[in-house]
């Protein structure tokens, strides 16, 4: 979280962390969510449910980036099949975090 917050701050993004589905939807209902980061090591039923709903809502579509261990090819493939905009290994995600946030700032 600190790394994500440090990279996001200069762009004026407010970073929030949801630990379960209810907290995610509570945050999502209160503000416009430009970027959703999905940790594939979290509860698969939760992130699958959230991503499924988000990718089905074209009117308020957030950019969705999933990341996880490079060895977890099954979860990474599942995230892609659900419609995540990008899916990275943890190492790739960390190295591209600046570019992801900058990309959103250009939108």
C-alpha atoms as a PDB file:
ATOM      1  CA  UNK A   1       0.000   0.000   0.000  1.00  0.00           C
ATOM      2  CA  UNK A   2       2.644   2.619   0.834  1.00  0.00           C
ATOM      3  CA  UNK A   3       4.284   2.211  -2.572  1.00  0.00           C
ATOM      4  CA  UNK A   4       0.941   2.560  -4.356  1.00  0.00           C
ATOM      5  CA  UNK A   5       0.061   5.616  -2.269  1.00  0.00           C
ATOM      6  CA  UNK A   6       3.434   7.274  -2.935  1.00  0.00           C
ATOM      7  CA  UNK A   7       3.122   6.810  -6.691  1.00  0.00           C
ATOM      8  CA  UNK A   8      -0.539   7.908  -6.757  1.00  0.00           C
ATOM      9  CA  UNK A   9      -0.245  11.013  -4.595  1.00  0.00           C
ATOM     10  CA  UNK A  10       1.348  13.357  -7.194  1.00  0.00           C
ATOM     11  CA  UNK A  11      -1.573  12.601  -9.533  1.00  0.00           C
ATOM     12  CA  UNK A  12      -4.115  13.482  -6.867  1.00  0.00           C
ATOM     13  CA  UNK A  13      -5.463   9.974  -6.440  1.00  0.00           C
ATOM     14  CA  UNK A  14      -6.947   8.905  -3.122  1.00  0.00           C
ATOM     15  CA  UNK A  15      -5.995   5.275  -2.449  1.00  0.00           C
ATOM     16  CA  UNK A  16      -8.366   3.062  -0.487  1.00  0.00           C
ATOM     17  CA  UNK A  17      -8.010  -0.590   0.491  1.00  0.00           C
ATOM     18  CA  UNK A  18     -10.962  -2.945   0.649  1.00  0.00           C
ATOM     19  CA  UNK A  19     -10.507  -6.135   2.633  1.00  0.00           C
ATOM     20  CA  UNK A  20     -13.803  -7.735   1.669  1.00  0.00           C
ATOM     21  CA  UNK A  21     -16.568  -7.360  -0.890  1.00  0.00           C
ATOM     22  CA  UNK A  22     -18.809  -5.211   1.304  1.00  0.00           C
ATOM     23  CA  UNK A  23     -16.045  -2.712   2.012  1.00  0.00           C
ATOM     24  CA  UNK A  24     -15.174  -2.571  -1.693  1.00  0.00           C
ATOM     25  CA  UNK A  25     -18.747  -1.750  -2.710  1.00  0.00           C
ATOM     26  CA  UNK A  26     -19.042   0.800   0.116  1.00  0.00           C
ATOM     27  CA  UNK A  27     -15.948   2.612  -1.182  1.00  0.00           C
ATOM     28  CA  UNK A  28     -17.083   2.265  -4.796  1.00  0.00           C
ATOM     29  CA  UNK A  29     -20.527   3.738  -4.025  1.00  0.00           C
ATOM     30  CA  UNK A  30     -19.057   6.861  -2.406  1.00  0.00           C
ATOM     31  CA  UNK A  31     -16.636   7.936  -5.120  1.00  0.00           C
ATOM     32  CA  UNK A  32     -15.550   7.559  -8.695  1.00  0.00           C
ATOM     33  CA  UNK A  33     -13.040   4.717  -8.871  1.00  0.00           C
ATOM     34  CA  UNK A  34     -10.519   5.195 -11.669  1.00  0.00           C
ATOM     35  CA  UNK A  35      -8.388   2.141 -10.932  1.00  0.00           C
ATOM     36  CA  UNK A  36      -9.111  -1.160  -9.223  1.00  0.00           C
ATOM     37  CA  UNK A  37      -6.087  -3.216  -8.211  1.00  0.00           C
ATOM     38  CA  UNK A  38      -6.806  -6.892  -7.695  1.00  0.00           C
ATOM     39  CA  UNK A  39      -4.407  -8.935  -5.602  1.00  0.00           C
ATOM     40  CA  UNK A  40      -4.787 -12.459  -6.952  1.00  0.00           C
ATOM     41  CA  UNK A  41      -3.550 -13.865  -3.653  1.00  0.00           C
ATOM     42  CA  UNK A  42      -6.726 -12.598  -2.006  1.00  0.00           C
ATOM     43  CA  UNK A  43      -9.954 -14.549  -1.672  1.00  0.00           C
ATOM     44  CA  UNK A  44     -10.715 -15.765  -5.200  1.00  0.00           C
ATOM     45  CA  UNK A  45     -14.487 -15.754  -4.717  1.00  0.00           C
ATOM     46  CA  UNK A  46     -14.379 -12.094  -3.679  1.00  0.00           C
ATOM     47  CA  UNK A  47     -12.208 -10.780  -6.484  1.00  0.00           C
ATOM     48  CA  UNK A  48     -14.017 -12.914  -9.042  1.00  0.00           C
ATOM     49  CA  UNK A  49     -17.366 -11.479  -7.942  1.00  0.00           C
ATOM     50  CA  UNK A  50     -16.131  -7.880  -7.889  1.00  0.00           C
ATOM     51  CA  UNK A  51     -14.391  -8.083 -11.268  1.00  0.00           C
ATOM     52  CA  UNK A  52     -17.416  -9.777 -12.858  1.00  0.00           C
ATOM     53  CA  UNK A  53     -19.714  -6.950 -11.747  1.00  0.00           C
ATOM     54  CA  UNK A  54     -17.233  -4.221 -12.695  1.00  0.00           C
ATOM     55  CA  UNK A  55     -16.549  -5.551 -16.180  1.00  0.00           C
ATOM     56  CA  UNK A  56     -20.288  -5.864 -16.817  1.00  0.00           C
ATOM     57  CA  UNK A  57     -20.918  -2.193 -16.032  1.00  0.00           C
ATOM     58  CA  UNK A  58     -19.757  -0.261 -19.092  1.00  0.00           C
ATOM     59  CA  UNK A  59     -21.159   3.075 -17.931  1.00  0.00           C
ATOM     60  CA  UNK A  60     -18.931   3.455 -14.894  1.00  0.00           C
ATOM     61  CA  UNK A  61     -16.062   1.248 -15.930  1.00  0.00           C
ATOM     62  CA  UNK A  62     -12.937   1.403 -13.791  1.00  0.00           C
ATOM     63  CA  UNK A  63      -9.574   0.339 -15.177  1.00  0.00           C
ATOM     64  CA  UNK A  64      -8.836  -3.059 -13.608  1.00  0.00           C
ATOM     65  CA  UNK A  65      -5.318  -4.356 -13.013  1.00  0.00           C
ATOM     66  CA  UNK A  66      -4.748  -7.771 -11.441  1.00  0.00           C
ATOM     67  CA  UNK A  67      -1.418  -8.961 -10.102  1.00  0.00           C
ATOM     68  CA  UNK A  68      -0.131 -12.082  -8.426  1.00  0.00           C
ATOM     69  CA  UNK A  69       2.703 -14.576  -8.186  1.00  0.00           C
ATOM     70  CA  UNK A  70       4.237 -15.409 -11.558  1.00  0.00           C
ATOM     71  CA  UNK A  71       3.724 -19.093 -10.755  1.00  0.00           C
ATOM     72  CA  UNK A  72      -0.053 -18.726 -10.360  1.00  0.00           C
ATOM     73  CA  UNK A  73      -0.859 -18.959 -14.053  1.00  0.00           C
ATOM     74  CA  UNK A  74      -4.360 -20.293 -13.350  1.00  0.00           C
ATOM     75  CA  UNK A  75      -5.458 -17.220 -11.382  1.00  0.00           C
ATOM     76  CA  UNK A  76      -3.810 -14.917 -13.908  1.00  0.00           C
ATOM     77  CA  UNK A  77      -5.652 -16.631 -16.771  1.00  0.00           C
ATOM     78  CA  UNK A  78      -8.904 -16.446 -14.789  1.00  0.00           C
ATOM     79  CA  UNK A  79      -8.439 -12.703 -14.222  1.00  0.00           C
ATOM     80  CA  UNK A  80      -7.874 -12.216 -17.963  1.00  0.00           C
ATOM     81  CA  UNK A  81     -10.973 -14.253 -18.793  1.00  0.00           C
ATOM     82  CA  UNK A  82     -13.056 -12.055 -16.478  1.00  0.00           C
ATOM     83  CA  UNK A  83     -11.990  -8.974 -18.427  1.00  0.00           C
ATOM     84  CA  UNK A  84      -9.248  -7.365 -16.357  1.00  0.00           C
ATOM     85  CA  UNK A  85      -7.573  -4.685 -18.456  1.00  0.00           C
ATOM     86  CA  UNK A  86      -4.100  -5.820 -17.442  1.00  0.00           C
ATOM     87  CA  UNK A  87      -2.767  -8.837 -15.570  1.00  0.00           C
ATOM     88  CA  UNK A  88       0.793  -8.828 -14.266  1.00  0.00           C
ATOM     89  CA  UNK A  89       3.092 -10.876 -12.107  1.00  0.00           C
ATOM     90  CA  UNK A  90       3.935  -9.062  -8.873  1.00  0.00           C
ATOM     91  CA  UNK A  91       7.360  -8.107 -10.192  1.00  0.00           C
ATOM     92  CA  UNK A  92       5.916  -6.687 -13.411  1.00  0.00           C
ATOM     93  CA  UNK A  93       3.234  -4.838 -11.482  1.00  0.00           C
ATOM     94  CA  UNK A  94       5.741  -3.150  -9.181  1.00  0.00           C
ATOM     95  CA  UNK A  95       7.999  -2.193 -12.091  1.00  0.00           C
ATOM     96  CA  UNK A  96       5.081  -0.789 -14.132  1.00  0.00           C
ATOM     97  CA  UNK A  97       3.161   0.888 -11.316  1.00  0.00           C
ATOM     98  CA  UNK A  98       4.404   4.362 -12.264  1.00  0.00           C
ATOM     99  CA  UNK A  99       3.333   3.806 -15.882  1.00  0.00           C
ATOM    100  CA  UNK A 100      -0.109   2.517 -14.849  1.00  0.00           C
ATOM    101  CA  UNK A 101      -0.797   5.544 -12.659  1.00  0.00           C
ATOM    102  CA  UNK A 102       0.578   7.936 -15.287  1.00  0.00           C
ATOM    103  CA  UNK A 103      -1.633   6.290 -17.938  1.00  0.00           C
ATOM    104  CA  UNK A 104      -4.701   6.948 -15.798  1.00  0.00           C
ATOM    105  CA  UNK A 105      -3.621  10.546 -15.303  1.00  0.00           C
ATOM    106  CA  UNK A 106      -3.540  11.014 -19.079  1.00  0.00           C
ATOM    107  CA  UNK A 107      -7.114   9.758 -19.525  1.00  0.00           C
END
